[in-house]
């Protein structure tokens, strides 16, 4: 995937060691595309998924995701990340997680924005 201007792209892998557990989880996570966000200070921007990876009864364990940055440039992105105001958030009824974007990851992503 090639990012468009003002966005990041990512490949998300949903991994379970046990095949039966994975199959069950991928069925329970239907609708995931409506529950993944990039949090930019007080704003939440919904991630955009490749709809070919979704179905009504099961999702794929590999997801191609785009995160829109709402017009942030690399300097603004780094400033927010440096003050702990950027995170990836998942709020699906079956899976909740939040991961900060900071440190070397934030720096590498900001470099991608400036290219």
PDB file of N, CA and C in Angstrom:
ATOM      1  N   UNK A   1       0.843  -1.176   0.000  1.00  0.00           N
ATOM      2  CA  UNK A   1       0.000   0.000   0.000  1.00  0.00           C
ATOM      3  C   UNK A   1       0.886   1.237   0.000  1.00  0.00           C
ATOM      4  N   UNK A   2       0.487   2.196  -0.763  1.00  0.00           N
ATOM      5  CA  UNK A   2       1.214   3.454  -0.830  1.00  0.00           C
ATOM      6  C   UNK A   2       0.344   4.524  -0.179  1.00  0.00           C
ATOM      7  N   UNK A   3       0.896   5.247   0.807  1.00  0.00           N
ATOM      8  CA  UNK A   3       0.084   6.270   1.467  1.00  0.00           C
ATOM      9  C   UNK A   3      -0.199   7.444   0.534  1.00  0.00           C
ATOM     10  N   UNK A   4      -1.353   8.011   0.713  1.00  0.00           N
ATOM     11  CA  UNK A   4      -1.696   9.261   0.032  1.00  0.00           C
ATOM     12  C   UNK A   4      -1.187  10.400   0.900  1.00  0.00           C
ATOM     13  N   UNK A   5      -1.197  11.576   0.370  1.00  0.00           N
ATOM     14  CA  UNK A   5      -0.762  12.741   1.135  1.00  0.00           C
ATOM     15  C   UNK A   5      -1.622  12.873   2.399  1.00  0.00           C
ATOM     16  N   UNK A   6      -0.970  13.094   3.542  1.00  0.00           N
ATOM     17  CA  UNK A   6      -1.701  13.325   4.784  1.00  0.00           C
ATOM     18  C   UNK A   6      -2.246  12.091   5.460  1.00  0.00           C
ATOM     19  N   UNK A   7      -1.653  10.929   5.180  1.00  0.00           N
ATOM     20  CA  UNK A   7      -2.112   9.716   5.850  1.00  0.00           C
ATOM     21  C   UNK A   7      -0.947   8.757   6.045  1.00  0.00           C
ATOM     22  N   UNK A   8      -1.140   7.832   6.966  1.00  0.00           N
ATOM     23  CA  UNK A   8      -0.243   6.708   7.145  1.00  0.00           C
ATOM     24  C   UNK A   8      -0.985   5.458   6.713  1.00  0.00           C
ATOM     25  N   UNK A   9      -0.245   4.454   6.284  1.00  0.00           N
ATOM     26  CA  UNK A   9      -0.839   3.154   5.990  1.00  0.00           C
ATOM     27  C   UNK A   9      -0.150   2.110   6.851  1.00  0.00           C
ATOM     28  N   UNK A  10      -0.888   1.054   7.152  1.00  0.00           N
ATOM     29  CA  UNK A  10      -0.335  -0.009   7.996  1.00  0.00           C
ATOM     30  C   UNK A  10      -0.968  -1.339   7.607  1.00  0.00           C
ATOM     31  N   UNK A  11      -0.245  -2.384   7.894  1.00  0.00           N
ATOM     32  CA  UNK A  11      -0.783  -3.733   7.785  1.00  0.00           C
ATOM     33  C   UNK A  11      -0.981  -4.231   9.210  1.00  0.00           C
ATOM     34  N   UNK A  12      -2.195  -4.599   9.528  1.00  0.00           N
ATOM     35  CA  UNK A  12      -2.521  -5.079  10.867  1.00  0.00           C
ATOM     36  C   UNK A  12      -2.724  -6.598  10.802  1.00  0.00           C
ATOM     37  N   UNK A  13      -2.001  -7.299  11.656  1.00  0.00           N
ATOM     38  CA  UNK A  13      -2.113  -8.746  11.732  1.00  0.00           C
ATOM     39  C   UNK A  13      -2.815  -9.122  13.030  1.00  0.00           C
ATOM     40  N   UNK A  14      -3.889  -9.887  12.917  1.00  0.00           N
ATOM     41  CA  UNK A  14      -4.606 -10.391  14.086  1.00  0.00           C
ATOM     42  C   UNK A  14      -4.151 -11.830  14.251  1.00  0.00           C
ATOM     43  N   UNK A  15      -3.343 -12.058  15.273  1.00  0.00           N
ATOM     44  CA  UNK A  15      -2.664 -13.348  15.392  1.00  0.00           C
ATOM     45  C   UNK A  15      -3.114 -14.115  16.635  1.00  0.00           C
ATOM     46  N   UNK A  16      -3.430 -15.364  16.423  1.00  0.00           N
ATOM     47  CA  UNK A  16      -3.737 -16.315  17.491  1.00  0.00           C
ATOM     48  C   UNK A  16      -2.961 -17.587  17.159  1.00  0.00           C
ATOM     49  N   UNK A  17      -2.266 -18.149  18.130  1.00  0.00           N
ATOM     50  CA  UNK A  17      -1.476 -19.364  17.888  1.00  0.00           C
ATOM     51  C   UNK A  17      -2.367 -20.552  17.554  1.00  0.00           C
ATOM     52  N   UNK A  18      -3.514 -20.616  18.192  1.00  0.00           N
ATOM     53  CA  UNK A  18      -4.436 -21.731  18.004  1.00  0.00           C
ATOM     54  C   UNK A  18      -5.414 -21.409  16.870  1.00  0.00           C
ATOM     55  N   UNK A  19      -5.491 -22.278  15.870  1.00  0.00           N
ATOM     56  CA  UNK A  19      -6.347 -22.043  14.701  1.00  0.00           C
ATOM     57  C   UNK A  19      -7.821 -21.912  15.068  1.00  0.00           C
ATOM     58  N   UNK A  20      -8.297 -22.723  15.995  1.00  0.00           N
ATOM     59  CA  UNK A  20      -9.716 -22.664  16.398  1.00  0.00           C
ATOM     60  C   UNK A  20     -10.016 -21.342  17.102  1.00  0.00           C
ATOM     61  N   UNK A  21      -9.110 -20.902  17.964  1.00  0.00           N
ATOM     62  CA  UNK A  21      -9.298 -19.616  18.652  1.00  0.00           C
ATOM     63  C   UNK A  21      -9.283 -18.471  17.649  1.00  0.00           C
ATOM     64  N   UNK A  22      -8.375 -18.542  16.664  1.00  0.00           N
ATOM     65  CA  UNK A  22      -8.294 -17.510  15.629  1.00  0.00           C
ATOM     66  C   UNK A  22      -9.590 -17.449  14.831  1.00  0.00           C
ATOM     67  N   UNK A  23     -10.100 -18.605  14.409  1.00  0.00           N
ATOM     68  CA  UNK A  23     -11.333 -18.639  13.630  1.00  0.00           C
ATOM     69  C   UNK A  23     -12.484 -18.019  14.412  1.00  0.00           C
ATOM     70  N   UNK A  24     -12.585 -18.373  15.677  1.00  0.00           N
ATOM     71  CA  UNK A  24     -13.640 -17.825  16.526  1.00  0.00           C
ATOM     72  C   UNK A  24     -13.492 -16.306  16.670  1.00  0.00           C
ATOM     73  N   UNK A  25     -12.272 -15.844  16.929  1.00  0.00           N
ATOM     74  CA  UNK A  25     -12.038 -14.406  17.107  1.00  0.00           C
ATOM     75  C   UNK A  25     -12.353 -13.630  15.836  1.00  0.00           C
ATOM     76  N   UNK A  26     -11.981 -14.159  14.681  1.00  0.00           N
ATOM     77  CA  UNK A  26     -12.227 -13.449  13.421  1.00  0.00           C
ATOM     78  C   UNK A  26     -13.719 -13.352  13.121  1.00  0.00           C
ATOM     79  N   UNK A  27     -14.492 -14.253  13.649  1.00  0.00           N
ATOM     80  CA  UNK A  27     -15.953 -14.156  13.522  1.00  0.00           C
ATOM     81  C   UNK A  27     -16.520 -13.130  14.511  1.00  0.00           C
ATOM     82  N   UNK A  28     -15.963 -13.105  15.708  1.00  0.00           N
ATOM     83  CA  UNK A  28     -16.430 -12.158  16.731  1.00  0.00           C
ATOM     84  C   UNK A  28     -16.031 -10.718  16.426  1.00  0.00           C
ATOM     85  N   UNK A  29     -15.011 -10.521  15.611  1.00  0.00           N
ATOM     86  CA  UNK A  29     -14.513  -9.168  15.333  1.00  0.00           C
ATOM     87  C   UNK A  29     -15.127  -8.525  14.097  1.00  0.00           C
ATOM     88  N   UNK A  30     -16.199  -9.120  13.570  1.00  0.00           N
ATOM     89  CA  UNK A  30     -16.918  -8.480  12.463  1.00  0.00           C
ATOM     90  C   UNK A  30     -17.282  -7.054  12.899  1.00  0.00           C
ATOM     91  N   UNK A  31     -17.112  -6.111  12.017  1.00  0.00           N
ATOM     92  CA  UNK A  31     -17.382  -4.710  12.340  1.00  0.00           C
ATOM     93  C   UNK A  31     -16.162  -3.962  12.833  1.00  0.00           C
ATOM     94  N   UNK A  32     -15.018  -4.631  12.884  1.00  0.00           N
ATOM     95  CA  UNK A  32     -13.783  -4.004  13.360  1.00  0.00           C
ATOM     96  C   UNK A  32     -13.489  -2.690  12.644  1.00  0.00           C
ATOM     97  N   UNK A  33     -13.837  -2.622  11.382  1.00  0.00           N
ATOM     98  CA  UNK A  33     -13.541  -1.421  10.582  1.00  0.00           C
ATOM     99  C   UNK A  33     -14.226  -0.162  11.107  1.00  0.00           C
ATOM    100  N   UNK A  34     -15.191  -0.318  11.970  1.00  0.00           N
ATOM    101  CA  UNK A  34     -15.878   0.832  12.565  1.00  0.00           C
ATOM    102  C   UNK A  34     -15.340   1.198  13.943  1.00  0.00           C
ATOM    103  N   UNK A  35     -14.269   0.548  14.366  1.00  0.00           N
ATOM    104  CA  UNK A  35     -13.806   0.698  15.746  1.00  0.00           C
ATOM    105  C   UNK A  35     -12.313   0.961  15.908  1.00  0.00           C
ATOM    106  N   UNK A  36     -11.617   1.296  14.831  1.00  0.00           N
ATOM    107  CA  UNK A  36     -10.186   1.585  14.926  1.00  0.00           C
ATOM    108  C   UNK A  36      -9.961   3.054  14.592  1.00  0.00           C
ATOM    109  N   UNK A  37      -9.190   3.724  15.443  1.00  0.00           N
ATOM    110  CA  UNK A  37      -9.020   5.173  15.344  1.00  0.00           C
ATOM    111  C   UNK A  37      -7.556   5.558  15.504  1.00  0.00           C
ATOM    112  N   UNK A  38      -7.214   6.707  14.937  1.00  0.00           N
ATOM    113  CA  UNK A  38      -5.990   7.379  15.342  1.00  0.00           C
ATOM    114  C   UNK A  38      -6.454   8.597  16.131  1.00  0.00           C
ATOM    115  N   UNK A  39      -5.942   8.730  17.334  1.00  0.00           N
ATOM    116  CA  UNK A  39      -6.302   9.843  18.210  1.00  0.00           C
ATOM    117  C   UNK A  39      -5.214  10.896  18.087  1.00  0.00           C
ATOM    118  N   UNK A  40      -5.614  12.084  17.705  1.00  0.00           N
ATOM    119  CA  UNK A  40      -4.703  13.201  17.485  1.00  0.00           C
ATOM    120  C   UNK A  40      -5.126  14.331  18.407  1.00  0.00           C
ATOM    121  N   UNK A  41      -4.522  14.401  19.578  1.00  0.00           N
ATOM    122  CA  UNK A  41      -4.900  15.338  20.627  1.00  0.00           C
ATOM    123  C   UNK A  41      -6.345  15.030  21.026  1.00  0.00           C
ATOM    124  N   UNK A  42      -7.261  15.955  20.852  1.00  0.00           N
ATOM    125  CA  UNK A  42      -8.643  15.716  21.257  1.00  0.00           C
ATOM    126  C   UNK A  42      -9.509  15.176  20.111  1.00  0.00           C
ATOM    127  N   UNK A  43      -8.928  14.985  18.935  1.00  0.00           N
ATOM    128  CA  UNK A  43      -9.651  14.474  17.760  1.00  0.00           C
ATOM    129  C   UNK A  43      -9.431  12.992  17.586  1.00  0.00           C
ATOM    130  N   UNK A  44     -10.446  12.314  17.086  1.00  0.00           N
ATOM    131  CA  UNK A  44     -10.317  10.911  16.685  1.00  0.00           C
ATOM    132  C   UNK A  44     -10.670  10.813  15.210  1.00  0.00           C
ATOM    133  N   UNK A  45      -9.750  10.243  14.444  1.00  0.00           N
ATOM    134  CA  UNK A  45      -9.987  10.030  13.013  1.00  0.00           C
ATOM    135  C   UNK A  45     -10.142   8.533  12.791  1.00  0.00           C
ATOM    136  N   UNK A  46     -11.254   8.138  12.169  1.00  0.00           N
ATOM    137  CA  UNK A  46     -11.503   6.717  11.935  1.00  0.00           C
ATOM    138  C   UNK A  46     -10.560   6.175  10.871  1.00  0.00           C
ATOM    139  N   UNK A  47      -9.991   5.018  11.145  1.00  0.00           N
ATOM    140  CA  UNK A  47      -9.152   4.341  10.162  1.00  0.00           C
ATOM    141  C   UNK A  47     -10.026   3.864   9.007  1.00  0.00           C
ATOM    142  N   UNK A  48      -9.419   3.774   7.841  1.00  0.00           N
ATOM    143  CA  UNK A  48     -10.132   3.272   6.658  1.00  0.00           C
ATOM    144  C   UNK A  48      -9.523   1.921   6.279  1.00  0.00           C
ATOM    145  N   UNK A  49     -10.384   0.957   6.053  1.00  0.00           N
ATOM    146  CA  UNK A  49      -9.961  -0.414   5.771  1.00  0.00           C
ATOM    147  C   UNK A  49     -10.201  -0.757   4.309  1.00  0.00           C
ATOM    148  N   UNK A  50      -9.453  -1.722   3.817  1.00  0.00           N
ATOM    149  CA  UNK A  50      -9.690  -2.305   2.502  1.00  0.00           C
ATOM    150  C   UNK A  50     -10.912  -3.214   2.644  1.00  0.00           C
ATOM    151  N   UNK A  51     -11.990  -2.855   1.999  1.00  0.00           N
ATOM    152  CA  UNK A  51     -13.243  -3.596   2.162  1.00  0.00           C
ATOM    153  C   UNK A  51     -13.176  -5.016   1.606  1.00  0.00           C
ATOM    154  N   UNK A  52     -12.167  -5.326   0.798  1.00  0.00           N
ATOM    155  CA  UNK A  52     -12.003  -6.697   0.299  1.00  0.00           C
ATOM    156  C   UNK A  52     -11.616  -7.663   1.414  1.00  0.00           C
ATOM    157  N   UNK A  53     -11.163  -7.137   2.546  1.00  0.00           N
ATOM    158  CA  UNK A  53     -10.731  -7.965   3.664  1.00  0.00           C
ATOM    159  C   UNK A  53     -11.877  -8.237   4.652  1.00  0.00           C
ATOM    160  N   UNK A  54     -13.058  -7.740   4.354  1.00  0.00           N
ATOM    161  CA  UNK A  54     -14.196  -7.840   5.267  1.00  0.00           C
ATOM    162  C   UNK A  54     -15.298  -8.699   4.648  1.00  0.00           C
ATOM    163  N   UNK A  55     -16.078  -9.318   5.513  1.00  0.00           N
ATOM    164  CA  UNK A  55     -17.303  -9.980   5.067  1.00  0.00           C
ATOM    165  C   UNK A  55     -18.319  -9.873   6.204  1.00  0.00           C
ATOM    166  N   UNK A  56     -19.523 -10.286   5.949  1.00  0.00           N
ATOM    167  CA  UNK A  56     -20.583 -10.172   6.949  1.00  0.00           C
ATOM    168  C   UNK A  56     -20.431 -11.172   8.094  1.00  0.00           C
ATOM    169  N   UNK A  57     -19.668 -12.238   7.887  1.00  0.00           N
ATOM    170  CA  UNK A  57     -19.580 -13.259   8.931  1.00  0.00           C
ATOM    171  C   UNK A  57     -18.174 -13.469   9.501  1.00  0.00           C
ATOM    172  N   UNK A  58     -17.167 -12.830   8.901  1.00  0.00           N
ATOM    173  CA  UNK A  58     -15.793 -13.046   9.361  1.00  0.00           C
ATOM    174  C   UNK A  58     -14.889 -11.988   8.732  1.00  0.00           C
ATOM    175  N   UNK A  59     -13.863 -11.592   9.468  1.00  0.00           N
ATOM    176  CA  UNK A  59     -12.877 -10.682   8.893  1.00  0.00           C
ATOM    177  C   UNK A  59     -11.593 -11.461   8.614  1.00  0.00           C
ATOM    178  N   UNK A  60     -10.743 -10.892   7.825  1.00  0.00           N
ATOM    179  CA  UNK A  60      -9.453 -11.506   7.532  1.00  0.00           C
ATOM    180  C   UNK A  60      -8.484 -11.228   8.676  1.00  0.00           C
ATOM    181  N   UNK A  61      -7.535 -12.131   8.885  1.00  0.00           N
ATOM    182  CA  UNK A  61      -6.542 -11.920   9.942  1.00  0.00           C
ATOM    183  C   UNK A  61      -5.501 -10.882   9.534  1.00  0.00           C
ATOM    184  N   UNK A  62      -5.462 -10.512   8.267  1.00  0.00           N
ATOM    185  CA  UNK A  62      -4.578  -9.452   7.781  1.00  0.00           C
ATOM    186  C   UNK A  62      -5.452  -8.319   7.263  1.00  0.00           C
ATOM    187  N   UNK A  63      -5.207  -7.128   7.786  1.00  0.00           N
ATOM    188  CA  UNK A  63      -5.986  -5.959   7.398  1.00  0.00           C
ATOM    189  C   UNK A  63      -5.052  -4.872   6.880  1.00  0.00           C
ATOM    190  N   UNK A  64      -5.456  -4.226   5.802  1.00  0.00           N
ATOM    191  CA  UNK A  64      -4.724  -3.097   5.246  1.00  0.00           C
ATOM    192  C   UNK A  64      -5.476  -1.835   5.648  1.00  0.00           C
ATOM    193  N   UNK A  65      -4.798  -0.960   6.393  1.00  0.00           N
ATOM    194  CA  UNK A  65      -5.464   0.157   7.062  1.00  0.00           C
ATOM    195  C   UNK A  65      -4.819   1.475   6.668  1.00  0.00           C
ATOM    196  N   UNK A  66      -5.646   2.485   6.511  1.00  0.00           N
ATOM    197  CA  UNK A  66      -5.187   3.855   6.257  1.00  0.00           C
ATOM    198  C   UNK A  66      -5.620   4.726   7.429  1.00  0.00           C
ATOM    199  N   UNK A  67      -4.687   5.534   7.927  1.00  0.00           N
ATOM    200  CA  UNK A  67      -4.964   6.441   9.033  1.00  0.00           C
ATOM    201  C   UNK A  67      -4.863   7.878   8.545  1.00  0.00           C
ATOM    202  N   UNK A  68      -5.996   8.589   8.407  1.00  0.00           N
ATOM    203  CA  UNK A  68      -5.946   9.986   7.987  1.00  0.00           C
ATOM    204  C   UNK A  68      -5.448  10.864   9.135  1.00  0.00           C
ATOM    205  N   UNK A  69      -4.644  11.862   8.808  1.00  0.00           N
ATOM    206  CA  UNK A  69      -4.025  12.696   9.841  1.00  0.00           C
ATOM    207  C   UNK A  69      -4.647  14.078   9.964  1.00  0.00           C
ATOM    208  N   UNK A  70      -5.749  14.306   9.292  1.00  0.00           N
ATOM    209  CA  UNK A  70      -6.469  15.562   9.467  1.00  0.00           C
ATOM    210  C   UNK A  70      -5.652  16.808   9.177  1.00  0.00           C
ATOM    211  N   UNK A  71      -4.714  16.717   8.240  1.00  0.00           N
ATOM    212  CA  UNK A  71      -3.954  17.894   7.837  1.00  0.00           C
ATOM    213  C   UNK A  71      -2.695  18.180   8.633  1.00  0.00           C
ATOM    214  N   UNK A  72      -2.334  17.328   9.575  1.00  0.00           N
ATOM    215  CA  UNK A  72      -1.111  17.561  10.352  1.00  0.00           C
ATOM    216  C   UNK A  72       0.118  17.450   9.464  1.00  0.00           C
ATOM    217  N   UNK A  73       1.076  18.343   9.664  1.00  0.00           N
ATOM    218  CA  UNK A  73       2.355  18.175   8.998  1.00  0.00           C
ATOM    219  C   UNK A  73       3.312  17.463   9.953  1.00  0.00           C
ATOM    220  N   UNK A  74       4.523  17.187   9.514  1.00  0.00           N
ATOM    221  CA  UNK A  74       5.446  16.392  10.316  1.00  0.00           C
ATOM    222  C   UNK A  74       5.807  17.070  11.636  1.00  0.00           C
ATOM    223  N   UNK A  75       5.970  18.386  11.634  1.00  0.00           N
ATOM    224  CA  UNK A  75       6.292  19.103  12.874  1.00  0.00           C
ATOM    225  C   UNK A  75       5.160  19.049  13.881  1.00  0.00           C
ATOM    226  N   UNK A  76       3.948  19.264  13.409  1.00  0.00           N
ATOM    227  CA  UNK A  76       2.783  19.190  14.304  1.00  0.00           C
ATOM    228  C   UNK A  76       2.613  17.772  14.845  1.00  0.00           C
ATOM    229  N   UNK A  77       2.822  16.790  13.983  1.00  0.00           N
ATOM    230  CA  UNK A  77       2.718  15.393  14.406  1.00  0.00           C
ATOM    231  C   UNK A  77       3.716  15.090  15.513  1.00  0.00           C
ATOM    232  N   UNK A  78       4.970  15.486  15.312  1.00  0.00           N
ATOM    233  CA  UNK A  78       6.005  15.242  16.327  1.00  0.00           C
ATOM    234  C   UNK A  78       5.714  15.962  17.638  1.00  0.00           C
ATOM    235  N   UNK A  79       5.216  17.175  17.542  1.00  0.00           N
ATOM    236  CA  UNK A  79       4.895  17.932  18.763  1.00  0.00           C
ATOM    237  C   UNK A  79       3.800  17.226  19.559  1.00  0.00           C
ATOM    238  N   UNK A  80       2.762  16.778  18.881  1.00  0.00           N
ATOM    239  CA  UNK A  80       1.685  16.055  19.576  1.00  0.00           C
ATOM    240  C   UNK A  80       2.192  14.736  20.145  1.00  0.00           C
ATOM    241  N   UNK A  81       2.965  14.010  19.355  1.00  0.00           N
ATOM    242  CA  UNK A  81       3.499  12.727  19.825  1.00  0.00           C
ATOM    243  C   UNK A  81       4.409  12.936  21.033  1.00  0.00           C
ATOM    244  N   UNK A  82       5.216  13.977  20.992  1.00  0.00           N
ATOM    245  CA  UNK A  82       6.137  14.259  22.094  1.00  0.00           C
ATOM    246  C   UNK A  82       5.430  14.593  23.392  1.00  0.00           C
ATOM    247  N   UNK A  83       4.208  15.093  23.298  1.00  0.00           N
ATOM    248  CA  UNK A  83       3.451  15.409  24.506  1.00  0.00           C
ATOM    249  C   UNK A  83       2.409  14.330  24.826  1.00  0.00           C
ATOM    250  N   UNK A  84       2.566  13.151  24.198  1.00  0.00           N
ATOM    251  CA  UNK A  84       1.690  12.010  24.526  1.00  0.00           C
ATOM    252  C   UNK A  84       0.276  12.144  24.009  1.00  0.00           C
ATOM    253  N   UNK A  85       0.090  12.881  22.923  1.00  0.00           N
ATOM    254  CA  UNK A  85      -1.262  13.149  22.439  1.00  0.00           C
ATOM    255  C   UNK A  85      -1.602  12.446  21.129  1.00  0.00           C
ATOM    256  N   UNK A  86      -0.857  11.384  20.793  1.00  0.00           N
ATOM    257  CA  UNK A  86      -1.200  10.566  19.624  1.00  0.00           C
ATOM    258  C   UNK A  86      -1.235   9.105  20.063  1.00  0.00           C
ATOM    259  N   UNK A  87      -2.288   8.420  19.637  1.00  0.00           N
ATOM    260  CA  UNK A  87      -2.429   6.996  19.969  1.00  0.00           C
ATOM    261  C   UNK A  87      -3.286   6.320  18.906  1.00  0.00           C
ATOM    262  N   UNK A  88      -3.139   5.014  18.827  1.00  0.00           N
ATOM    263  CA  UNK A  88      -4.040   4.185  18.031  1.00  0.00           C
ATOM    264  C   UNK A  88      -4.982   3.527  19.037  1.00  0.00           C
ATOM    265  N   UNK A  89      -6.255   3.594  18.755  1.00  0.00           N
ATOM    266  CA  UNK A  89      -7.257   3.104  19.705  1.00  0.00           C
ATOM    267  C   UNK A  89      -8.222   2.163  19.009  1.00  0.00           C
ATOM    268  N   UNK A  90      -8.535   1.072  19.686  1.00  0.00           N
ATOM    269  CA  UNK A  90      -9.507   0.095  19.212  1.00  0.00           C
ATOM    270  C   UNK A  90     -10.586  -0.029  20.276  1.00  0.00           C
ATOM    271  N   UNK A  91     -11.843   0.167  19.871  1.00  0.00           N
ATOM    272  CA  UNK A  91     -12.944   0.116  20.839  1.00  0.00           C
ATOM    273  C   UNK A  91     -14.060  -0.842  20.398  1.00  0.00           C
ATOM    274  N   UNK A  92     -13.668  -1.967  19.842  1.00  0.00           N
ATOM    275  CA  UNK A  92     -14.631  -2.991  19.427  1.00  0.00           C
ATOM    276  C   UNK A  92     -15.195  -3.662  20.686  1.00  0.00           C
ATOM    277  N   UNK A  93     -16.480  -4.038  20.688  1.00  0.00           N
ATOM    278  CA  UNK A  93     -17.053  -4.692  21.871  1.00  0.00           C
ATOM    279  C   UNK A  93     -16.303  -5.955  22.319  1.00  0.00           C
ATOM    280  N   UNK A  94     -15.615  -6.627  21.410  1.00  0.00           N
ATOM    281  CA  UNK A  94     -14.888  -7.852  21.752  1.00  0.00           C
ATOM    282  C   UNK A  94     -13.386  -7.648  21.945  1.00  0.00           C
ATOM    283  N   UNK A  95     -12.890  -6.436  21.660  1.00  0.00           N
ATOM    284  CA  UNK A  95     -11.458  -6.191  21.785  1.00  0.00           C
ATOM    285  C   UNK A  95     -11.216  -4.696  21.949  1.00  0.00           C
ATOM    286  N   UNK A  96     -10.606  -4.341  23.063  1.00  0.00           N
ATOM    287  CA  UNK A  96     -10.309  -2.938  23.364  1.00  0.00           C
ATOM    288  C   UNK A  96      -8.810  -2.809  23.592  1.00  0.00           C
ATOM    289  N   UNK A  97      -8.214  -1.799  22.966  1.00  0.00           N
ATOM    290  CA  UNK A  97      -6.772  -1.573  23.133  1.00  0.00           C
ATOM    291  C   UNK A  97      -6.456  -0.118  22.820  1.00  0.00           C
ATOM    292  N   UNK A  98      -5.355   0.342  23.394  1.00  0.00           N
ATOM    293  CA  UNK A  98      -4.860   1.692  23.105  1.00  0.00           C
ATOM    294  C   UNK A  98      -3.342   1.628  23.129  1.00  0.00           C
ATOM    295  N   UNK A  99      -2.716   2.157  22.074  1.00  0.00           N
ATOM    296  CA  UNK A  99      -1.258   2.146  21.984  1.00  0.00           C
ATOM    297  C   UNK A  99      -0.763   3.546  21.649  1.00  0.00           C
ATOM    298  N   UNK A 100       0.084   4.111  22.496  1.00  0.00           N
ATOM    299  CA  UNK A 100       0.624   5.439  22.193  1.00  0.00           C
ATOM    300  C   UNK A 100       1.569   5.383  21.000  1.00  0.00           C
ATOM    301  N   UNK A 101       1.608   6.472  20.275  1.00  0.00           N
ATOM    302  CA  UNK A 101       2.571   6.638  19.192  1.00  0.00           C
ATOM    303  C   UNK A 101       3.555   7.686  19.686  1.00  0.00           C
ATOM    304  N   UNK A 102       4.762   7.232  20.032  1.00  0.00           N
ATOM    305  CA  UNK A 102       5.756   8.154  20.574  1.00  0.00           C
ATOM    306  C   UNK A 102       7.155   7.643  20.271  1.00  0.00           C
ATOM    307  N   UNK A 103       8.143   8.332  20.781  1.00  0.00           N
ATOM    308  CA  UNK A 103       9.526   7.901  20.651  1.00  0.00           C
ATOM    309  C   UNK A 103       9.980   7.719  19.219  1.00  0.00           C
ATOM    310  N   UNK A 104      10.753   6.665  19.011  1.00  0.00           N
ATOM    311  CA  UNK A 104      11.343   6.418  17.698  1.00  0.00           C
ATOM    312  C   UNK A 104      10.280   6.137  16.632  1.00  0.00           C
ATOM    313  N   UNK A 105       9.161   5.521  17.024  1.00  0.00           N
ATOM    314  CA  UNK A 105       8.075   5.285  16.072  1.00  0.00           C
ATOM    315  C   UNK A 105       7.526   6.614  15.568  1.00  0.00           C
ATOM    316  N   UNK A 106       7.247   7.547  16.472  1.00  0.00           N
ATOM    317  CA  UNK A 106       6.726   8.854  16.072  1.00  0.00           C
ATOM    318  C   UNK A 106       7.719   9.572  15.162  1.00  0.00           C
ATOM    319  N   UNK A 107       8.989   9.490  15.503  1.00  0.00           N
ATOM    320  CA  UNK A 107      10.012  10.138  14.694  1.00  0.00           C
ATOM    321  C   UNK A 107      10.043   9.554  13.278  1.00  0.00           C
ATOM    322  N   UNK A 108      10.015   8.226  13.166  1.00  0.00           N
ATOM    323  CA  UNK A 108      10.038   7.572  11.854  1.00  0.00           C
ATOM    324  C   UNK A 108       8.800   7.934  11.034  1.00  0.00           C
ATOM    325  N   UNK A 109       7.644   7.956  11.670  1.00  0.00           N
ATOM    326  CA  UNK A 109       6.412   8.319  10.958  1.00  0.00           C
ATOM    327  C   UNK A 109       6.453   9.773  10.511  1.00  0.00           C
ATOM    328  N   UNK A 110       6.977  10.661  11.344  1.00  0.00           N
ATOM    329  CA  UNK A 110       7.089  12.077  10.966  1.00  0.00           C
ATOM    330  C   UNK A 110       8.008  12.242   9.760  1.00  0.00           C
ATOM    331  N   UNK A 111       9.063  11.455   9.699  1.00  0.00           N
ATOM    332  CA  UNK A 111       9.935  11.504   8.526  1.00  0.00           C
ATOM    333  C   UNK A 111       9.183  11.099   7.277  1.00  0.00           C
ATOM    334  N   UNK A 112       8.324  10.089   7.386  1.00  0.00           N
ATOM    335  CA  UNK A 112       7.519   9.681   6.232  1.00  0.00           C
ATOM    336  C   UNK A 112       6.605  10.812   5.771  1.00  0.00           C
ATOM    337  N   UNK A 113       6.092  11.590   6.714  1.00  0.00           N
ATOM    338  CA  UNK A 113       5.203  12.704   6.360  1.00  0.00           C
ATOM    339  C   UNK A 113       5.949  13.797   5.596  1.00  0.00           C
ATOM    340  N   UNK A 114       7.225  13.989   5.911  1.00  0.00           N
ATOM    341  CA  UNK A 114       7.958  15.079   5.292  1.00  0.00           C
ATOM    342  C   UNK A 114       8.535  14.711   3.928  1.00  0.00           C
ATOM    343  N   UNK A 115       8.421  13.454   3.535  1.00  0.00           N
ATOM    344  CA  UNK A 115       8.961  13.037   2.224  1.00  0.00           C
ATOM    345  C   UNK A 115       7.955  13.192   1.128  1.00  0.00           C
TER     346      UNK A 115
END
